[in-house]
Protein backbone atom coordinates (compact mmCIF):
# COMPACT_ATOMS: atom_id res chain seq x y z
CA MET A 1 4.63 -29.67 -10.46
CA THR A 2 2.78 -32.49 -8.69
CA ASN A 3 0.79 -35.18 -10.51
CA PHE A 4 -2.36 -33.63 -9.02
CA VAL A 5 -1.58 -30.36 -10.72
CA LYS A 6 -0.46 -32.00 -13.95
CA GLY A 7 -3.66 -33.95 -14.19
CA PHE A 8 -6.13 -31.31 -13.10
CA ALA A 9 -4.59 -27.88 -13.78
CA CYS A 10 -6.69 -27.19 -16.85
CA VAL A 11 -9.85 -28.46 -15.17
CA LEU A 12 -9.18 -26.47 -12.01
CA ILE A 13 -8.50 -23.27 -13.88
CA ALA A 14 -11.70 -23.82 -15.83
CA GLY A 15 -13.51 -24.19 -12.53
CA ILE A 16 -12.17 -20.88 -11.37
CA ALA A 17 -13.18 -19.43 -14.71
CA ILE A 18 -16.76 -19.98 -13.61
CA VAL A 19 -15.97 -17.42 -10.94
CA LEU A 20 -14.04 -15.31 -13.46
CA PRO A 21 -15.77 -15.65 -16.85
CA ALA A 22 -13.42 -13.18 -18.53
CA SER A 23 -10.40 -15.38 -17.77
CA ARG A 24 -11.85 -18.76 -18.90
CA ALA A 25 -8.87 -20.95 -19.77
CA CYS A 26 -10.50 -24.26 -20.87
CA ALA A 27 -13.84 -24.94 -22.47
CA VAL A 28 -14.97 -27.37 -19.75
CA ASP A 29 -18.37 -27.35 -18.05
CA LEU A 30 -17.82 -28.67 -14.54
CA GLY A 31 -21.29 -28.09 -13.15
CA ASP A 32 -20.98 -27.17 -9.49
CA LYS A 33 -18.50 -29.86 -8.38
CA VAL A 34 -14.79 -29.11 -8.65
CA VAL A 35 -12.92 -31.81 -6.68
CA SER A 36 -13.62 -34.36 -3.93
CA GLN A 37 -11.53 -35.98 -1.21
CA GLY A 38 -12.18 -37.82 2.05
CA GLY A 39 -15.92 -37.80 1.65
CA VAL A 40 -16.24 -34.05 1.05
CA THR A 41 -16.57 -32.06 -2.18
CA VAL A 42 -15.41 -28.59 -3.14
CA THR A 43 -18.02 -26.78 -5.18
CA VAL A 44 -17.84 -23.65 -7.28
CA SER A 45 -19.78 -21.96 -4.48
CA ASP A 46 -16.99 -22.90 -2.08
CA VAL A 47 -14.45 -21.40 -4.46
CA ASP A 48 -16.62 -18.27 -4.80
CA ALA A 49 -16.56 -17.87 -1.03
CA TYR A 50 -12.79 -18.39 -0.90
CA MET A 51 -12.11 -15.95 -3.74
CA ALA A 52 -14.35 -13.33 -2.11
CA ARG A 53 -11.57 -12.89 0.46
CA ILE A 54 -9.12 -11.88 -2.28
CA PRO A 55 -9.29 -8.41 -3.88
CA ALA A 56 -10.87 -8.75 -7.32
CA GLU A 57 -7.94 -7.00 -9.00
CA LYS A 58 -5.67 -9.87 -7.84
CA TRP A 59 -7.87 -12.71 -9.11
CA ALA A 60 -6.20 -12.99 -12.52
CA GLY A 61 -2.77 -13.30 -10.94
CA PHE A 62 -4.06 -15.83 -8.42
CA VAL A 63 -5.58 -18.24 -10.96
CA SER A 64 -2.55 -18.00 -13.25
CA SER A 65 -0.72 -20.42 -10.94
CA ALA A 66 -1.83 -24.07 -11.01
CA GLU A 67 0.11 -24.71 -7.80
CA ARG A 68 -1.75 -21.87 -6.08
CA ILE A 69 -5.08 -23.29 -7.24
CA GLU A 70 -4.12 -26.72 -5.93
CA LYS A 71 -3.20 -25.26 -2.53
CA MET A 72 -6.51 -23.40 -2.38
CA LEU A 73 -8.50 -26.55 -3.14
CA ARG A 74 -6.53 -28.62 -0.66
CA ASP A 75 -7.09 -25.95 2.01
CA ILE A 76 -10.83 -25.94 1.36
CA LEU A 77 -10.95 -29.77 1.37
CA ARG A 78 -8.99 -29.99 4.62
CA ASN A 79 -11.22 -27.46 6.36
CA LYS A 80 -14.39 -29.18 5.12
CA MET A 81 -13.12 -32.54 6.39
CA LEU A 82 -12.25 -31.01 9.77
CA ALA A 83 -15.67 -29.33 9.91
CA ALA A 84 -17.40 -32.63 9.08
CA GLN A 85 -15.50 -34.35 11.89
CA ALA A 86 -16.47 -31.55 14.27
CA VAL A 87 -20.15 -32.00 13.39
CA ASP A 88 -19.86 -35.79 13.90
CA MET A 89 -18.36 -35.08 17.33
CA LYS A 90 -21.20 -32.62 18.00
CA LEU A 91 -18.64 -29.87 18.63
CA ASP A 92 -20.92 -27.46 16.83
CA GLN A 93 -23.62 -27.83 19.47
CA SER A 94 -21.83 -26.11 22.36
CA ALA A 95 -22.88 -22.62 23.34
CA SER A 96 -19.36 -21.36 22.63
CA ALA A 97 -19.36 -22.86 19.13
CA GLN A 98 -22.79 -21.46 18.35
CA ALA A 99 -21.68 -18.00 19.52
CA GLN A 100 -18.55 -18.12 17.35
CA ILE A 101 -20.56 -19.31 14.34
CA ALA A 102 -23.01 -16.48 14.91
CA GLN A 103 -20.13 -14.00 15.18
CA ALA A 104 -18.64 -15.27 11.93
CA ARG A 105 -22.04 -14.86 10.25
CA THR A 106 -22.32 -11.33 11.65
CA ASP A 107 -18.85 -10.44 10.33
CA VAL A 108 -19.64 -11.77 6.86
CA LEU A 109 -22.98 -9.97 6.68
CA ALA A 110 -21.43 -6.73 7.94
CA ARG A 111 -18.75 -6.97 5.25
CA LEU A 112 -21.35 -7.67 2.57
CA ARG A 113 -23.46 -4.72 3.73
CA MET A 114 -20.48 -2.40 3.51
CA GLN A 115 -19.65 -3.80 0.09
CA SER A 116 -23.24 -3.17 -1.00
CA PHE A 117 -23.13 0.37 0.36
CA ALA A 118 -19.86 1.09 -1.43
CA GLU A 119 -21.34 -0.14 -4.71
CA SER A 120 -24.39 2.09 -4.19
CA ILE A 121 -22.37 5.31 -3.96
CA LYS A 122 -22.84 7.42 -7.06
CA VAL A 123 -20.04 9.93 -7.41
CA PRO A 124 -21.39 13.18 -8.91
CA ASP A 125 -19.69 15.25 -11.58
CA LEU A 126 -16.78 16.82 -9.72
CA THR A 127 -15.22 18.62 -12.67
CA GLN A 128 -15.92 22.11 -11.29
CA LEU A 129 -14.51 21.17 -7.91
CA ALA A 130 -11.47 19.70 -9.66
CA LYS A 131 -10.88 23.02 -11.45
CA GLU A 132 -11.13 24.87 -8.13
CA GLU A 133 -8.68 22.42 -6.57
CA TYR A 134 -6.25 22.93 -9.45
CA LEU A 135 -6.44 26.73 -9.37
CA THR A 136 -6.07 26.84 -5.59
CA HIS A 137 -3.10 24.50 -5.47
CA LYS A 138 -1.37 24.96 -8.83
CA ASP A 139 1.98 24.80 -7.07
CA GLN A 140 1.29 21.16 -6.22
CA TYR A 141 0.76 20.21 -9.85
CA VAL A 142 4.27 20.73 -11.11
CA ILE A 143 6.71 18.23 -12.57
CA PRO A 144 9.69 18.87 -10.29
CA GLU A 145 13.07 19.79 -11.62
CA ASN A 146 15.36 16.87 -12.36
CA VAL A 147 18.99 17.51 -11.58
CA VAL A 148 21.44 14.74 -12.47
CA VAL A 149 24.92 14.87 -11.01
CA GLU A 150 28.06 12.80 -10.71
CA HIS A 151 29.29 12.64 -7.16
CA ILE A 152 32.44 11.80 -5.23
CA LEU A 153 32.22 11.03 -1.52
CA VAL A 154 35.21 11.35 0.78
CA SER A 155 34.15 9.57 3.94
CA ASN A 156 35.27 10.70 7.39
CA SER A 157 34.40 7.38 9.02
CA ALA A 158 37.83 5.80 8.44
CA ARG A 159 39.87 9.02 8.61
CA SER A 160 39.73 12.16 10.69
CA ASP A 161 37.47 15.00 9.61
CA ALA A 162 40.50 17.17 8.88
CA GLU A 163 42.07 14.45 6.73
CA ALA A 164 38.80 13.90 4.87
CA LYS A 165 38.38 17.62 4.21
CA ALA A 166 41.96 18.01 3.00
CA LEU A 167 41.63 15.09 0.60
CA ALA A 168 38.26 16.36 -0.65
CA GLU A 169 39.78 19.81 -1.35
CA LYS A 170 42.58 18.17 -3.34
CA ILE A 171 40.07 16.12 -5.36
CA ARG A 172 37.90 19.15 -6.00
CA ALA A 173 40.87 21.15 -7.30
CA GLU A 174 41.68 18.28 -9.65
CA ALA A 175 38.06 18.19 -10.86
CA GLU A 176 38.05 21.95 -11.44
CA ALA A 177 41.21 21.64 -13.48
CA ASP A 178 39.82 18.91 -15.75
CA PRO A 179 36.07 18.28 -15.37
CA ALA A 180 36.15 15.76 -18.24
CA LYS A 181 38.01 13.32 -16.01
CA PHE A 182 35.36 13.39 -13.27
CA GLU A 183 34.01 9.94 -14.17
CA ASP A 184 37.46 8.40 -13.77
CA MET A 185 37.89 10.30 -10.51
CA VAL A 186 34.70 8.77 -9.15
CA LYS A 187 36.18 5.31 -9.68
CA LYS A 188 39.52 6.35 -8.20
CA TYR A 189 38.49 8.39 -5.17
CA SER A 190 34.84 7.95 -4.15
CA ASP A 191 34.09 6.06 -0.93
CA ASP A 192 30.42 5.68 -1.86
CA PRO A 193 29.80 1.89 -2.17
CA SER A 194 26.99 2.53 -4.67
CA LYS A 195 29.51 3.77 -7.26
CA ASP A 196 29.98 0.21 -8.50
CA SER A 197 26.35 0.09 -9.63
CA ASN A 198 25.66 3.71 -10.59
CA GLY A 199 29.06 5.11 -11.46
CA GLY A 200 28.48 7.95 -9.02
CA VAL A 201 25.46 9.23 -10.97
CA MET A 202 22.65 10.59 -8.78
CA ARG A 203 19.28 11.40 -10.35
CA ASP A 204 16.73 13.81 -8.88
CA ALA A 205 19.71 15.06 -6.89
CA SER A 206 17.98 18.24 -5.73
CA SER A 207 14.98 16.35 -4.36
CA ALA A 208 14.06 15.36 -0.82
CA LYS A 209 15.41 11.87 -1.51
CA TYR A 210 18.80 13.22 -0.49
CA VAL A 211 20.06 14.88 2.67
CA PRO A 212 19.31 18.64 2.61
CA GLU A 213 22.92 19.80 2.22
CA PHE A 214 23.44 17.55 -0.80
CA ALA A 215 20.11 18.46 -2.45
CA LYS A 216 20.67 22.19 -1.93
CA ALA A 217 24.14 22.07 -3.47
CA ALA A 218 22.90 20.05 -6.45
CA GLY A 219 20.15 22.59 -7.10
CA LYS A 220 22.68 25.45 -7.32
CA LEU A 221 24.85 23.89 -10.04
CA THR A 222 24.80 25.47 -13.51
CA ALA A 223 26.32 24.66 -16.87
CA GLN A 224 28.66 27.62 -16.40
CA ASP A 225 29.68 26.44 -12.90
CA PRO A 226 29.24 22.65 -12.93
CA ILE A 227 31.58 21.69 -10.05
CA SER A 228 30.23 22.27 -6.56
CA PRO A 229 32.08 23.60 -3.53
CA LEU A 230 32.76 20.98 -0.87
CA VAL A 231 29.48 19.74 0.58
CA LYS A 232 29.63 18.49 4.16
CA THR A 233 27.00 15.93 5.23
CA LYS A 234 26.79 13.24 7.89
CA PHE A 235 28.48 10.90 5.38
CA GLY A 236 31.55 13.07 4.88
CA TYR A 237 32.56 15.49 2.13
CA HIS A 238 31.02 15.50 -1.35
CA ILE A 239 32.10 16.96 -4.67
CA LEU A 240 29.34 17.20 -7.29
CA LYS A 241 29.47 17.70 -11.03
CA LEU A 242 26.37 18.72 -12.96
CA ILE A 243 25.39 16.38 -15.80
CA SER A 244 21.98 17.84 -16.66
CA ALA A 245 19.25 19.98 -15.17
CA THR A 246 15.64 19.93 -16.34
CA PRO A 247 13.69 22.84 -14.82
CA ALA A 248 10.39 22.35 -13.03
CA LYS A 249 7.39 22.33 -15.39
CA PRO A 250 3.87 23.38 -14.35
CA GLN A 251 1.19 20.92 -15.51
CA THR A 252 -1.98 22.07 -17.22
CA PHE A 253 -5.41 21.23 -15.83
CA ASP A 254 -6.03 18.78 -18.67
CA GLU A 255 -2.82 16.95 -17.77
CA VAL A 256 -3.85 16.43 -14.14
CA LYS A 257 -7.64 16.39 -14.46
CA ALA A 258 -7.95 12.59 -14.24
CA GLN A 259 -5.63 12.49 -11.23
CA ILE A 260 -7.58 15.18 -9.37
CA LEU A 261 -10.96 13.64 -10.20
CA ASP A 262 -9.75 10.27 -8.95
CA GLY A 263 -8.67 11.76 -5.64
CA LEU A 264 -11.88 13.76 -5.24
CA GLY A 265 -13.98 10.71 -6.11
CA LYS A 266 -12.23 8.59 -3.50
CA GLN A 267 -12.64 11.37 -0.93
CA TYR A 268 -16.34 11.67 -1.78
CA SER A 269 -16.83 7.93 -1.31
CA ALA A 270 -14.88 8.00 1.95
CA ASP A 271 -17.03 10.88 3.23
CA GLN A 272 -20.23 9.06 2.31
CA THR A 273 -19.00 5.93 4.06
CA SER A 274 -18.03 7.94 7.14
CA ASN A 275 -21.47 9.56 7.19
CA PHE A 276 -23.16 6.17 6.90
CA LEU A 277 -21.14 4.60 9.70
CA GLY A 278 -21.44 7.74 11.81
CA GLN A 279 -25.21 7.50 11.68
CA LEU A 280 -24.97 3.93 13.00
CA THR A 281 -22.40 4.44 15.73
CA GLY A 282 -23.82 7.83 16.67
CA GLN A 283 -27.02 6.26 17.95
CA GLU A 284 -27.39 6.30 21.72
CA MET A 285 -25.79 3.31 23.42
CA THR A 286 -27.47 1.89 26.50
CA PRO A 287 -24.82 0.63 28.91
CA TYR A 288 -25.43 -2.00 31.56
CA PRO A 289 -22.81 -1.08 34.20
CA ASP A 290 -23.06 -4.32 36.17
CA ALA A 291 -22.52 -6.39 33.04
CA ILE A 292 -19.61 -4.22 31.93
CA ALA A 293 -17.97 -4.54 35.33
CA ALA A 294 -18.51 -8.33 35.29
CA LEU A 295 -16.47 -8.61 32.09
CA HIS A 296 -13.35 -7.98 34.15
CA GLY A 297 -13.93 -11.02 36.29
CA ARG A 298 -14.87 -13.11 33.28
CA TYR A 299 -11.73 -12.45 31.25
CA TYR A 300 -9.02 -11.13 33.59
CA THR A 301 -6.20 -13.67 33.71
CA GLY A 302 -4.12 -12.09 36.44
CA THR A 303 -1.62 -10.45 34.09
CA GLY A 304 -1.43 -6.82 33.08
CA VAL A 305 -3.28 -3.98 34.76
CA PRO A 306 -6.85 -4.79 35.85
CA VAL A 307 -9.70 -2.47 34.97
CA GLU A 308 -11.16 -1.30 38.25
CA ASN A 309 -14.01 0.97 37.29
CA PRO A 310 -14.87 0.55 33.64
CA GLN A 311 -16.98 3.33 32.23
CA PRO A 312 -18.93 3.34 28.96
CA GLN A 313 -17.08 5.37 26.34
CA PRO A 314 -18.79 8.47 24.88
CA GLN A 315 -20.21 7.81 21.46
CA PRO A 316 -19.25 9.94 18.44
CA GLN A 317 -21.86 12.31 17.12
CA PRO A 318 -23.26 11.39 13.71
CA ILE A 319 -21.84 13.22 10.73
CA PRO A 320 -24.56 14.97 8.72
CA PRO A 321 -25.01 13.57 5.21
CA ALA A 322 -23.18 15.45 2.47
CA GLN A 323 -25.43 17.94 0.71
CA ASN A 324 -23.10 18.63 -2.16
CA ALA A 325 -19.75 17.42 -3.37
CA PRO A 326 -17.24 17.48 -0.51
CA ALA A 327 -14.51 20.03 -0.11
CA THR A 328 -10.99 18.76 -0.60
CA GLY A 329 -9.85 19.78 2.85
CA LYS A 330 -7.04 21.89 1.38
CA HIS A 331 -8.87 25.21 1.09
């Protein structure tokens, strides 16, 4: 940790705590100034603007690192010094600079407007819609079965397919004769490199995480018939032994209510946002063909395919505002 951080970590974190009152680390009142260097000063307002670019849910993690705070402050100081030099050199007075500054202002204001709109959305009570969603798609609200198996792989990458199959049949016969020794057989025979870390144990073995042939065979195993037939996949031949099988369990509405409401609420907000933006972009656009065509000559560098006859793109039609809570899209 640098001397800068050692000397100022508590003060810096306290400065950020002005931005994040709930995470105040030191009882220090800094006013608005945080740190100065090279004739410029970082203020709390500067830090506010910097932190606004970071999702609020990540703020606590960000300010937990003194080194990260130092880097942020040094970045702000460096940019402020560069900006001050640019002003002294009158670089801000060119038409190009003014246009870029105006564009940056437009981008910030557009982001703030969208943030304001998002905060203004009031999600209605969607409980009834959640019940309809649950009843219509009950099959989607099921805790899937969990099949756990031990598994031996006989690879056909270093031996012929016939040799691999013959060896796998021999191993399977040995497993059938004494299933209790299957764990030792995994260590002795399996070509699966993951056996060193998992001992050949595969969880959720009947799920889509595995190749279809493997998953299907795992799902057919029973306590009365725990050793599988040979299973051929692109990896070679497999022998499976059932360890446990927990059947699928339907979830009640109360168990999934919060999950469904969260999804419906996000969809409602997304629909409202789409409606809002659709009303803006759906307004008639007035093209100026000569100006559009002139853009080619202004920016074409001689590489790529030139645009010969640019045409204004058709504008999307506005989406009517939602009258009631939105449908889920699954009905």
